N, C-alpha and C. Protein backbone atom coordinates (compact mmCIF):
# COMPACT_ATOMS: atom_id res chain seq x y z
N MET A 1 14.75 46.22 -66.17
CA MET A 1 14.51 46.10 -67.58
C MET A 1 15.80 46.24 -68.36
N LYS A 2 16.25 45.26 -69.12
CA LYS A 2 17.49 45.36 -69.87
C LYS A 2 17.24 46.15 -71.17
N LYS A 3 18.18 47.11 -71.48
CA LYS A 3 18.07 47.94 -72.70
C LYS A 3 19.06 47.46 -73.70
N VAL A 4 18.73 47.57 -74.95
CA VAL A 4 19.68 47.26 -76.05
C VAL A 4 19.62 48.43 -77.06
N SER A 5 20.71 48.69 -77.77
CA SER A 5 20.80 49.77 -78.73
C SER A 5 20.31 49.26 -80.03
N GLN A 6 19.71 50.14 -80.85
CA GLN A 6 19.30 49.83 -82.18
C GLN A 6 19.32 51.14 -82.94
N GLY A 7 19.03 51.04 -84.23
CA GLY A 7 18.99 52.30 -85.05
C GLY A 7 17.75 53.08 -84.77
N PHE A 8 17.58 54.22 -85.38
CA PHE A 8 16.48 55.14 -85.20
C PHE A 8 15.17 54.46 -85.63
N THR A 9 14.19 54.67 -84.85
CA THR A 9 12.80 54.33 -85.17
C THR A 9 11.89 55.18 -84.33
N ASN A 10 10.78 55.61 -84.75
CA ASN A 10 9.76 56.23 -83.88
C ASN A 10 8.55 55.32 -83.70
N ALA A 11 8.86 54.05 -83.82
CA ALA A 11 7.73 52.99 -83.65
C ALA A 11 7.03 53.12 -82.29
N PHE A 12 7.66 53.52 -81.24
CA PHE A 12 6.97 53.59 -79.96
C PHE A 12 6.77 55.10 -79.53
N ALA A 13 6.52 55.86 -80.56
CA ALA A 13 6.21 57.29 -80.31
C ALA A 13 4.88 57.57 -80.99
N PRO A 14 3.80 57.17 -80.28
CA PRO A 14 2.44 57.47 -80.91
C PRO A 14 2.20 58.92 -81.22
N GLN A 15 1.56 59.12 -82.40
CA GLN A 15 1.32 60.48 -82.86
C GLN A 15 -0.18 60.68 -83.25
N THR A 16 -0.70 61.80 -82.96
CA THR A 16 -2.06 62.17 -83.45
C THR A 16 -2.09 62.30 -84.86
N LEU A 17 -3.17 61.69 -85.50
CA LEU A 17 -3.37 61.83 -86.95
C LEU A 17 -4.29 63.08 -87.20
N TYR A 18 -3.82 63.82 -88.26
CA TYR A 18 -4.55 64.96 -88.74
C TYR A 18 -4.77 64.81 -90.26
N VAL A 19 -5.87 65.45 -90.76
CA VAL A 19 -5.89 65.67 -92.17
C VAL A 19 -5.74 67.19 -92.29
N TYR A 20 -4.93 67.57 -93.22
CA TYR A 20 -4.71 68.97 -93.51
C TYR A 20 -5.55 69.26 -94.79
N GLY A 21 -6.35 70.28 -94.72
CA GLY A 21 -7.28 70.65 -95.79
C GLY A 21 -6.89 71.93 -96.43
N THR A 22 -6.93 71.93 -97.76
CA THR A 22 -6.73 73.11 -98.59
C THR A 22 -7.71 72.95 -99.75
N TYR A 23 -7.90 74.15 -100.39
CA TYR A 23 -8.73 74.05 -101.66
C TYR A 23 -7.78 74.04 -102.84
N LYS A 24 -8.04 73.29 -103.78
CA LYS A 24 -7.32 73.32 -105.03
C LYS A 24 -7.61 74.64 -105.73
N ALA A 25 -6.82 75.04 -106.76
CA ALA A 25 -7.06 76.28 -107.45
C ALA A 25 -8.53 76.35 -108.03
N ASP A 26 -9.09 75.22 -108.38
CA ASP A 26 -10.45 75.20 -108.97
C ASP A 26 -11.52 75.19 -107.88
N GLY A 27 -11.15 75.19 -106.60
CA GLY A 27 -12.10 75.29 -105.50
C GLY A 27 -12.51 73.97 -104.94
N THR A 28 -11.93 72.84 -105.47
CA THR A 28 -12.23 71.54 -104.97
C THR A 28 -11.48 71.28 -103.62
N PRO A 29 -12.18 70.69 -102.61
CA PRO A 29 -11.49 70.46 -101.36
C PRO A 29 -10.40 69.35 -101.65
N ASN A 30 -9.22 69.47 -100.92
CA ASN A 30 -8.18 68.57 -100.97
C ASN A 30 -7.68 68.21 -99.63
N PHE A 31 -7.49 67.03 -99.32
CA PHE A 31 -7.04 66.61 -97.95
C PHE A 31 -5.76 65.69 -98.07
N GLY A 32 -4.85 65.86 -97.12
CA GLY A 32 -3.71 64.96 -96.97
C GLY A 32 -3.72 64.48 -95.53
N LEU A 33 -3.15 63.29 -95.30
CA LEU A 33 -3.10 62.65 -94.04
C LEU A 33 -1.65 62.92 -93.45
N PHE A 34 -1.58 63.52 -92.38
CA PHE A 34 -0.25 63.81 -91.67
C PHE A 34 -0.21 63.45 -90.18
N CYS A 35 1.00 63.28 -89.61
CA CYS A 35 1.14 63.10 -88.23
C CYS A 35 2.30 63.82 -87.61
N TRP A 36 3.14 64.44 -88.47
CA TRP A 36 4.27 65.22 -87.98
C TRP A 36 3.82 66.59 -87.56
N ALA A 37 3.09 66.69 -86.43
CA ALA A 37 2.47 67.86 -85.92
C ALA A 37 2.54 67.97 -84.41
N THR A 38 2.64 69.20 -83.92
CA THR A 38 2.76 69.46 -82.47
C THR A 38 2.38 70.91 -82.21
N TYR A 39 2.72 71.38 -80.93
CA TYR A 39 2.36 72.71 -80.56
C TYR A 39 3.55 73.35 -80.03
N CYS A 40 3.60 74.64 -80.09
CA CYS A 40 4.70 75.44 -79.37
C CYS A 40 4.15 76.72 -78.90
N PHE A 41 4.97 77.49 -78.22
CA PHE A 41 4.67 78.80 -77.77
C PHE A 41 5.62 79.81 -78.35
N ASP A 42 5.16 80.73 -79.18
CA ASP A 42 5.98 81.78 -79.81
C ASP A 42 5.14 83.00 -79.80
N GLU A 43 5.29 83.74 -78.65
CA GLU A 43 4.37 84.87 -78.43
C GLU A 43 3.01 84.45 -77.97
N GLU A 44 2.54 83.39 -78.59
CA GLU A 44 1.23 82.79 -78.26
C GLU A 44 1.28 81.39 -78.71
N HIS A 45 0.32 80.63 -78.32
CA HIS A 45 0.25 79.19 -78.75
C HIS A 45 0.18 79.15 -80.24
N ARG A 46 0.95 78.20 -80.78
CA ARG A 46 1.03 77.97 -82.16
C ARG A 46 0.90 76.50 -82.51
N PHE A 47 0.49 76.19 -83.72
CA PHE A 47 0.47 74.87 -84.33
C PHE A 47 1.68 74.66 -85.14
N VAL A 48 2.32 73.56 -85.04
CA VAL A 48 3.53 73.26 -85.83
C VAL A 48 3.36 72.11 -86.70
N ALA A 49 3.54 72.24 -87.98
CA ALA A 49 3.37 71.20 -88.97
C ALA A 49 4.62 71.08 -89.74
N CYS A 50 5.03 69.78 -89.96
CA CYS A 50 6.22 69.58 -90.88
C CYS A 50 5.74 68.75 -92.12
N LEU A 51 5.99 69.28 -93.28
CA LEU A 51 5.69 68.61 -94.48
C LEU A 51 6.89 68.44 -95.36
N CYS A 52 7.01 67.28 -96.00
CA CYS A 52 8.08 67.10 -96.90
C CYS A 52 7.67 66.37 -98.14
N GLU A 53 8.50 66.30 -99.16
CA GLU A 53 8.11 65.65 -100.43
C GLU A 53 7.11 66.55 -101.17
N ASP A 54 7.07 66.31 -102.47
CA ASP A 54 6.15 67.01 -103.30
C ASP A 54 4.69 66.50 -102.99
N LYS A 55 3.87 67.43 -102.55
CA LYS A 55 2.44 67.10 -102.23
C LYS A 55 1.63 68.28 -102.58
N LEU A 56 0.43 68.16 -103.12
CA LEU A 56 -0.40 69.28 -103.48
C LEU A 56 -0.74 70.03 -102.18
N THR A 57 -0.89 69.40 -101.02
CA THR A 57 -1.17 70.09 -99.82
C THR A 57 -0.09 71.07 -99.54
N ARG A 58 1.08 70.65 -99.64
CA ARG A 58 2.28 71.55 -99.38
C ARG A 58 2.31 72.73 -100.38
N ASP A 59 2.05 72.44 -101.66
CA ASP A 59 1.98 73.44 -102.73
C ASP A 59 0.97 74.54 -102.40
N ARG A 60 -0.25 74.00 -102.00
CA ARG A 60 -1.33 74.95 -101.68
C ARG A 60 -1.06 75.81 -100.42
N ILE A 61 -0.45 75.16 -99.42
CA ILE A 61 -0.05 75.96 -98.24
C ILE A 61 1.03 76.98 -98.55
N ARG A 62 1.93 76.67 -99.35
CA ARG A 62 2.85 77.63 -99.86
C ARG A 62 2.27 78.74 -100.66
N GLU A 63 1.32 78.48 -101.43
CA GLU A 63 0.67 79.46 -102.25
C GLU A 63 -0.39 80.37 -101.45
N THR A 64 -1.13 79.73 -100.60
CA THR A 64 -2.17 80.48 -99.89
C THR A 64 -1.76 80.90 -98.48
N GLY A 65 -0.89 80.22 -97.80
CA GLY A 65 -0.54 80.46 -96.43
C GLY A 65 -1.58 80.09 -95.40
N ILE A 66 -2.52 79.33 -95.79
CA ILE A 66 -3.57 78.83 -94.95
C ILE A 66 -3.97 77.43 -95.11
N PHE A 67 -4.40 76.76 -94.05
CA PHE A 67 -4.96 75.40 -94.18
C PHE A 67 -5.73 75.00 -92.93
N SER A 68 -6.47 73.87 -93.05
CA SER A 68 -7.10 73.37 -91.81
C SER A 68 -6.34 72.18 -91.31
N ALA A 69 -6.34 71.94 -90.01
CA ALA A 69 -5.75 70.74 -89.47
C ALA A 69 -6.87 70.12 -88.58
N SER A 70 -7.32 68.97 -88.98
CA SER A 70 -8.44 68.32 -88.26
C SER A 70 -8.03 66.95 -87.75
N VAL A 71 -8.44 66.69 -86.50
CA VAL A 71 -8.12 65.49 -85.80
C VAL A 71 -8.94 64.38 -86.54
N VAL A 72 -8.27 63.31 -86.91
CA VAL A 72 -8.87 62.18 -87.55
C VAL A 72 -9.67 61.35 -86.49
N SER A 73 -10.93 61.14 -86.71
CA SER A 73 -11.77 60.37 -85.90
C SER A 73 -11.88 58.97 -86.45
N GLU A 74 -12.33 58.05 -85.60
CA GLU A 74 -12.57 56.67 -86.11
C GLU A 74 -13.52 56.73 -87.35
N ALA A 75 -14.54 57.59 -87.23
CA ALA A 75 -15.55 57.64 -88.31
C ALA A 75 -14.95 58.08 -89.63
N MET A 76 -13.90 58.80 -89.65
CA MET A 76 -13.33 59.31 -90.90
C MET A 76 -11.98 58.65 -91.28
N LEU A 77 -11.62 57.57 -90.56
CA LEU A 77 -10.24 57.01 -90.77
C LEU A 77 -10.15 56.44 -92.19
N LYS A 78 -11.14 55.73 -92.67
CA LYS A 78 -11.04 55.11 -94.00
C LYS A 78 -10.79 56.21 -95.10
N GLY A 79 -11.60 57.28 -95.06
CA GLY A 79 -11.39 58.41 -96.01
C GLY A 79 -10.06 59.03 -95.87
N ALA A 80 -9.65 59.15 -94.58
CA ALA A 80 -8.30 59.81 -94.36
C ALA A 80 -7.16 58.95 -94.83
N ASP A 81 -7.27 57.67 -94.58
CA ASP A 81 -6.18 56.77 -95.08
C ASP A 81 -6.21 56.78 -96.64
N TRP A 82 -7.41 56.74 -97.30
CA TRP A 82 -7.49 56.82 -98.73
C TRP A 82 -6.79 58.11 -99.22
N CYS A 83 -7.08 59.24 -98.65
CA CYS A 83 -6.51 60.43 -99.07
C CYS A 83 -4.99 60.53 -98.94
N GLY A 84 -4.55 59.82 -97.87
CA GLY A 84 -3.09 59.76 -97.58
C GLY A 84 -2.33 58.92 -98.55
N ASN A 85 -3.08 58.07 -99.37
CA ASN A 85 -2.44 57.10 -100.27
C ASN A 85 -2.69 57.40 -101.68
N HIS A 86 -3.31 58.58 -101.93
CA HIS A 86 -3.62 59.00 -103.32
C HIS A 86 -3.17 60.46 -103.50
N PRO A 87 -2.28 60.69 -104.44
CA PRO A 87 -1.73 62.13 -104.64
C PRO A 87 -2.83 63.03 -105.15
N GLY A 88 -2.85 64.23 -104.53
CA GLY A 88 -3.85 65.20 -104.90
C GLY A 88 -3.69 65.83 -106.22
N TYR A 89 -2.52 65.62 -106.84
CA TYR A 89 -2.32 66.32 -108.19
C TYR A 89 -3.25 65.79 -109.24
N ASP A 90 -3.61 64.44 -109.09
CA ASP A 90 -4.40 63.91 -110.20
C ASP A 90 -5.68 63.10 -109.60
N THR A 91 -6.00 63.39 -108.31
CA THR A 91 -7.16 62.75 -107.65
C THR A 91 -8.04 63.77 -107.05
N ASP A 92 -9.39 63.42 -107.25
CA ASP A 92 -10.37 64.28 -106.51
C ASP A 92 -10.69 63.58 -105.20
N LYS A 93 -10.31 64.24 -104.13
CA LYS A 93 -10.49 63.66 -102.83
C LYS A 93 -11.72 64.11 -102.09
N SER A 94 -12.58 64.95 -102.71
CA SER A 94 -13.75 65.58 -102.07
C SER A 94 -14.80 64.52 -101.69
N ALA A 95 -14.80 63.32 -102.34
CA ALA A 95 -15.81 62.28 -102.02
C ALA A 95 -15.34 61.49 -100.84
N ALA A 96 -14.00 61.39 -100.64
CA ALA A 96 -13.53 60.54 -99.56
C ALA A 96 -13.70 61.20 -98.13
N ILE A 97 -13.69 62.47 -98.05
CA ILE A 97 -13.92 63.24 -96.84
C ILE A 97 -14.85 64.39 -97.19
N LEU A 98 -16.13 64.16 -96.71
CA LEU A 98 -17.15 65.29 -96.95
C LEU A 98 -16.75 66.49 -96.03
N SER A 99 -16.92 67.67 -96.53
CA SER A 99 -16.49 68.82 -95.83
C SER A 99 -17.34 70.02 -96.12
N HIS A 100 -17.14 71.05 -95.31
CA HIS A 100 -17.77 72.34 -95.43
C HIS A 100 -16.67 73.50 -95.32
N PRO A 101 -16.94 74.64 -95.75
CA PRO A 101 -15.98 75.74 -95.60
C PRO A 101 -15.84 76.10 -94.14
N GLY A 102 -14.55 76.62 -93.89
CA GLY A 102 -14.31 77.20 -92.52
C GLY A 102 -15.04 78.38 -92.25
N GLU A 103 -15.07 78.81 -90.96
CA GLU A 103 -15.82 80.01 -90.62
C GLU A 103 -15.06 81.35 -90.78
N LYS A 104 -13.69 81.23 -90.64
CA LYS A 104 -12.89 82.39 -90.69
C LYS A 104 -11.99 82.40 -91.91
N LEU A 105 -11.54 81.25 -92.26
CA LEU A 105 -10.57 81.11 -93.48
C LEU A 105 -11.16 80.26 -94.58
N HIS A 106 -10.71 80.48 -95.70
CA HIS A 106 -11.18 79.69 -96.91
C HIS A 106 -10.43 78.45 -96.96
N VAL A 107 -10.84 77.46 -96.03
CA VAL A 107 -10.27 76.16 -95.92
C VAL A 107 -11.32 75.17 -95.73
N PRO A 108 -11.22 73.94 -96.24
CA PRO A 108 -12.28 72.88 -95.99
C PRO A 108 -12.14 72.29 -94.58
N ILE A 109 -13.27 72.10 -93.93
CA ILE A 109 -13.41 71.51 -92.66
C ILE A 109 -14.13 70.15 -92.78
N PRO A 110 -13.48 68.97 -92.47
CA PRO A 110 -14.20 67.71 -92.57
C PRO A 110 -15.37 67.61 -91.72
N ASP A 111 -16.47 67.09 -92.19
CA ASP A 111 -17.76 66.96 -91.49
C ASP A 111 -17.61 66.03 -90.18
N ASP A 112 -16.70 65.05 -90.37
CA ASP A 112 -16.66 63.98 -89.27
C ASP A 112 -15.48 64.13 -88.25
N SER A 113 -14.79 65.32 -88.40
CA SER A 113 -13.73 65.55 -87.46
C SER A 113 -14.35 66.18 -86.21
N PRO A 114 -13.93 65.71 -84.99
CA PRO A 114 -14.43 66.33 -83.81
C PRO A 114 -13.71 67.70 -83.45
N TRP A 115 -12.56 67.95 -84.07
CA TRP A 115 -11.72 69.05 -83.69
C TRP A 115 -11.01 69.61 -84.83
N SER A 116 -11.24 70.75 -85.33
CA SER A 116 -10.54 71.33 -86.48
C SER A 116 -10.03 72.67 -86.18
N TYR A 117 -8.81 72.93 -86.68
CA TYR A 117 -8.15 74.27 -86.57
C TYR A 117 -8.23 74.89 -87.97
N GLU A 118 -8.53 76.20 -87.94
CA GLU A 118 -8.26 77.02 -89.08
C GLU A 118 -7.03 77.71 -88.87
N LEU A 119 -5.94 77.54 -89.75
CA LEU A 119 -4.50 78.05 -89.49
C LEU A 119 -4.05 78.90 -90.55
N ARG A 120 -3.24 79.83 -90.04
CA ARG A 120 -2.49 80.75 -90.93
C ARG A 120 -1.02 80.65 -90.60
N VAL A 121 -0.23 80.37 -91.61
CA VAL A 121 1.20 80.30 -91.47
C VAL A 121 1.77 81.61 -91.19
N VAL A 122 2.61 81.69 -90.01
CA VAL A 122 3.29 82.95 -89.68
C VAL A 122 4.79 82.79 -89.89
N LYS A 123 5.35 81.59 -89.87
CA LYS A 123 6.79 81.36 -90.12
C LYS A 123 6.96 80.11 -90.81
N THR A 124 7.86 80.12 -91.78
CA THR A 124 8.26 78.84 -92.46
C THR A 124 9.73 78.65 -92.21
N LEU A 125 10.04 77.38 -91.83
CA LEU A 125 11.44 77.05 -91.55
C LEU A 125 11.88 75.92 -92.55
N PRO A 126 12.62 76.27 -93.57
CA PRO A 126 13.17 75.22 -94.48
C PRO A 126 14.12 74.30 -93.83
N LEU A 127 14.02 72.98 -94.05
CA LEU A 127 14.89 71.98 -93.42
C LEU A 127 15.77 71.31 -94.42
N ASP A 128 15.26 71.06 -95.67
CA ASP A 128 16.08 70.24 -96.64
C ASP A 128 15.90 70.88 -97.97
N GLU A 129 16.86 71.54 -98.45
CA GLU A 129 16.70 72.23 -99.83
C GLU A 129 16.53 71.22 -100.94
N HIS A 130 16.94 69.94 -100.72
CA HIS A 130 16.80 68.95 -101.83
C HIS A 130 15.43 68.34 -101.78
N GLY A 131 14.94 68.01 -100.63
CA GLY A 131 13.58 67.30 -100.53
C GLY A 131 12.50 68.27 -100.34
N GLY A 132 12.80 69.49 -99.99
CA GLY A 132 11.79 70.54 -99.77
C GLY A 132 11.08 70.43 -98.46
N ALA A 133 11.60 69.68 -97.47
CA ALA A 133 10.92 69.68 -96.15
C ALA A 133 10.86 71.08 -95.56
N GLU A 134 9.69 71.40 -94.94
CA GLU A 134 9.50 72.62 -94.31
C GLU A 134 8.69 72.45 -93.04
N ILE A 135 9.00 73.32 -92.08
CA ILE A 135 8.24 73.38 -90.87
C ILE A 135 7.38 74.64 -90.91
N TYR A 136 6.08 74.48 -90.69
CA TYR A 136 5.16 75.69 -90.67
C TYR A 136 4.73 75.96 -89.22
N ILE A 137 5.04 77.18 -88.76
CA ILE A 137 4.58 77.69 -87.47
C ILE A 137 3.33 78.48 -87.77
N CYS A 138 2.20 78.08 -87.15
CA CYS A 138 0.90 78.67 -87.55
C CYS A 138 0.12 79.29 -86.42
N GLU A 139 -0.62 80.35 -86.68
CA GLU A 139 -1.55 80.96 -85.68
C GLU A 139 -2.85 80.26 -85.81
N PHE A 140 -3.45 80.16 -84.62
CA PHE A 140 -4.87 79.61 -84.57
C PHE A 140 -5.81 80.75 -84.83
N VAL A 141 -6.41 80.68 -86.06
CA VAL A 141 -7.40 81.70 -86.37
C VAL A 141 -8.80 81.28 -85.83
N ASN A 142 -9.04 80.02 -85.86
CA ASN A 142 -10.36 79.60 -85.31
C ASN A 142 -10.27 78.14 -85.01
N THR A 143 -11.12 77.63 -84.04
CA THR A 143 -11.17 76.25 -83.66
C THR A 143 -12.64 75.84 -83.68
N LEU A 144 -12.90 74.81 -84.53
CA LEU A 144 -14.32 74.32 -84.74
C LEU A 144 -14.34 72.94 -84.03
N VAL A 145 -15.37 72.77 -83.06
CA VAL A 145 -15.42 71.46 -82.34
C VAL A 145 -16.79 70.95 -82.38
N ASP A 146 -16.92 69.68 -82.17
CA ASP A 146 -18.19 69.01 -82.05
C ASP A 146 -18.86 69.58 -80.84
N GLU A 147 -20.07 70.10 -80.99
CA GLU A 147 -20.79 70.79 -79.87
C GLU A 147 -20.90 69.92 -78.69
N ARG A 148 -20.89 68.55 -78.83
CA ARG A 148 -21.06 67.62 -77.67
C ARG A 148 -19.76 67.78 -76.72
N LEU A 149 -18.63 68.15 -77.35
CA LEU A 149 -17.49 68.30 -76.49
C LEU A 149 -17.56 69.49 -75.59
N GLN A 150 -18.54 70.37 -75.74
CA GLN A 150 -18.69 71.47 -74.83
C GLN A 150 -19.57 71.16 -73.64
N ASP A 151 -20.12 70.07 -73.55
CA ASP A 151 -20.99 69.65 -72.47
C ASP A 151 -20.22 69.46 -71.17
N GLU A 152 -20.24 70.31 -70.25
CA GLU A 152 -19.48 70.34 -69.04
C GLU A 152 -19.99 69.22 -68.01
N SER A 153 -21.08 68.66 -68.32
CA SER A 153 -21.57 67.57 -67.45
C SER A 153 -20.82 66.19 -67.70
N LEU A 154 -20.07 66.18 -68.85
CA LEU A 154 -19.39 64.99 -69.30
C LEU A 154 -17.98 64.99 -68.70
N SER A 155 -17.44 63.83 -68.35
CA SER A 155 -16.04 63.78 -67.99
C SER A 155 -15.21 63.82 -69.28
N PHE A 156 -13.87 64.05 -69.08
CA PHE A 156 -13.01 64.11 -70.22
C PHE A 156 -12.96 62.74 -70.92
N GLU A 157 -13.04 61.67 -70.18
CA GLU A 157 -13.04 60.31 -70.75
C GLU A 157 -14.25 60.15 -71.65
N GLU A 158 -15.42 60.70 -71.18
CA GLU A 158 -16.57 60.52 -72.01
C GLU A 158 -16.44 61.42 -73.31
N LYS A 159 -15.78 62.55 -73.19
CA LYS A 159 -15.57 63.37 -74.37
C LYS A 159 -14.67 62.68 -75.35
N MET A 160 -13.63 61.95 -74.77
CA MET A 160 -12.67 61.23 -75.69
C MET A 160 -13.44 60.20 -76.42
N ALA A 161 -14.39 59.49 -75.75
CA ALA A 161 -15.16 58.47 -76.46
C ALA A 161 -16.05 59.02 -77.60
N ILE A 162 -16.48 60.24 -77.37
CA ILE A 162 -17.35 60.91 -78.37
C ILE A 162 -16.35 61.28 -79.60
N ALA A 163 -15.20 61.90 -79.27
CA ALA A 163 -14.31 62.39 -80.27
C ALA A 163 -13.67 61.12 -81.02
N ALA A 164 -13.45 60.16 -80.38
CA ALA A 164 -12.82 58.89 -80.96
C ALA A 164 -11.63 59.24 -81.80
N PRO A 165 -10.59 59.96 -81.28
CA PRO A 165 -9.49 60.29 -82.10
C PRO A 165 -8.57 59.10 -82.39
N VAL A 166 -7.83 59.11 -83.50
CA VAL A 166 -7.05 57.97 -83.92
C VAL A 166 -5.56 58.47 -83.84
N CYS A 167 -4.66 57.62 -83.37
CA CYS A 167 -3.23 57.89 -83.43
C CYS A 167 -2.56 56.82 -84.24
N THR A 168 -1.28 57.02 -84.54
CA THR A 168 -0.49 56.10 -85.36
C THR A 168 0.84 55.87 -84.60
N ALA A 169 1.26 54.57 -84.75
CA ALA A 169 2.58 54.24 -84.28
C ALA A 169 2.98 52.97 -85.09
N ASN A 170 4.20 52.90 -85.56
CA ASN A 170 4.71 51.77 -86.24
C ASN A 170 3.90 51.40 -87.52
N TRP A 171 3.44 52.45 -88.21
CA TRP A 171 2.68 52.34 -89.48
C TRP A 171 1.36 51.60 -89.24
N GLN A 172 0.72 51.79 -88.05
CA GLN A 172 -0.54 51.19 -87.72
C GLN A 172 -1.45 52.24 -87.05
N TYR A 173 -2.73 52.08 -87.08
CA TYR A 173 -3.63 53.01 -86.49
C TYR A 173 -4.14 52.38 -85.18
N PHE A 174 -4.26 53.29 -84.12
CA PHE A 174 -4.81 52.89 -82.86
C PHE A 174 -5.81 53.81 -82.30
N LYS A 175 -6.67 53.32 -81.49
CA LYS A 175 -7.66 54.27 -80.83
C LYS A 175 -6.81 55.09 -79.80
N ALA A 176 -7.05 56.41 -79.75
CA ALA A 176 -6.29 57.23 -78.83
C ALA A 176 -7.07 57.34 -77.48
N GLY A 177 -8.32 57.00 -77.49
CA GLY A 177 -9.06 57.07 -76.27
C GLY A 177 -8.85 55.91 -75.37
N GLY A 178 -9.32 55.95 -74.18
CA GLY A 178 -9.18 54.90 -73.18
C GLY A 178 -9.36 55.56 -71.79
N PRO A 179 -9.26 54.71 -70.80
CA PRO A 179 -9.48 55.18 -69.42
C PRO A 179 -8.19 56.10 -69.12
N SER A 180 -8.40 57.15 -68.38
CA SER A 180 -7.39 58.04 -67.95
C SER A 180 -6.48 57.29 -66.98
N LEU A 181 -5.14 57.54 -67.08
CA LEU A 181 -4.20 57.03 -66.09
C LEU A 181 -3.85 58.01 -65.00
N GLY A 182 -4.52 59.15 -65.04
CA GLY A 182 -4.33 60.20 -64.03
C GLY A 182 -4.03 61.50 -64.71
N GLY A 183 -4.25 62.60 -64.02
CA GLY A 183 -3.95 63.89 -64.64
C GLY A 183 -2.57 64.28 -64.24
N TRP A 184 -2.11 65.39 -64.93
CA TRP A 184 -0.79 65.93 -64.64
C TRP A 184 -0.68 66.31 -63.17
N GLY A 185 0.39 65.86 -62.51
CA GLY A 185 0.60 66.10 -61.12
C GLY A 185 -0.08 65.09 -60.26
N ALA A 186 -0.80 64.15 -60.73
CA ALA A 186 -1.50 63.15 -59.94
C ALA A 186 -0.53 62.35 -59.05
N PHE A 187 0.73 62.24 -59.40
CA PHE A 187 1.66 61.42 -58.68
C PHE A 187 2.71 62.30 -57.98
N LYS A 188 2.56 63.54 -57.93
CA LYS A 188 3.59 64.43 -57.36
C LYS A 188 3.90 64.18 -55.89
N ASP A 189 3.10 63.59 -55.08
CA ASP A 189 3.33 63.40 -53.70
C ASP A 189 3.83 61.92 -53.45
N MET A 190 4.08 61.20 -54.47
CA MET A 190 4.56 59.77 -54.23
C MET A 190 5.98 59.86 -53.61
N LYS A 191 6.23 58.85 -52.87
CA LYS A 191 7.55 58.69 -52.27
C LYS A 191 8.21 57.50 -53.00
N PHE A 192 9.52 57.56 -53.24
CA PHE A 192 10.17 56.49 -53.88
C PHE A 192 11.35 56.03 -52.90
N LYS A 193 11.80 54.82 -53.17
CA LYS A 193 12.70 54.25 -52.26
C LYS A 193 14.01 55.02 -52.08
N HIS A 194 14.46 55.67 -53.16
CA HIS A 194 15.66 56.43 -53.05
C HIS A 194 15.54 57.73 -52.39
N GLN A 195 14.39 58.16 -52.04
CA GLN A 195 14.10 59.48 -51.36
C GLN A 195 14.30 59.38 -49.91
């Protein structure tokens, strides 16, 4: 395969979509659509979220130190996309994504998300003093999952079909599920020509 150089793009780096949930000061649920998220280990497993630009979600996280991060399912994609394209400062997003309160923290949990974290920020790393970009390192206070995903008689592929998570790449949405290509270590005993 011939390679060519080009400028930066993350077009071929699929990312999981999340909606981050906070409550507005008046108690109304507010959701934003995000994909700059990952995990790390800092004394224990942590959730890592990067937010930039002026957003009500970021303002509320700064003020309260808590939020929910919920995997976007196919069932909630339209509402998540709508929330991601309307600023929370002057928009009521509670009808786009129906929700209920978290079990451990005062954060909204989307009804149609198969997997939601209730998170507390433990470290904030400022990145850009002009744009206000920040990385939040968060502790997992609680995880709420669709009870069907606890059925041990189902294969992980069947669970992925139930969860129907959505990912994004190149400004488009894609199904994250599909047949497994093999588990970690499935190819460890392969022999290659150069060996």
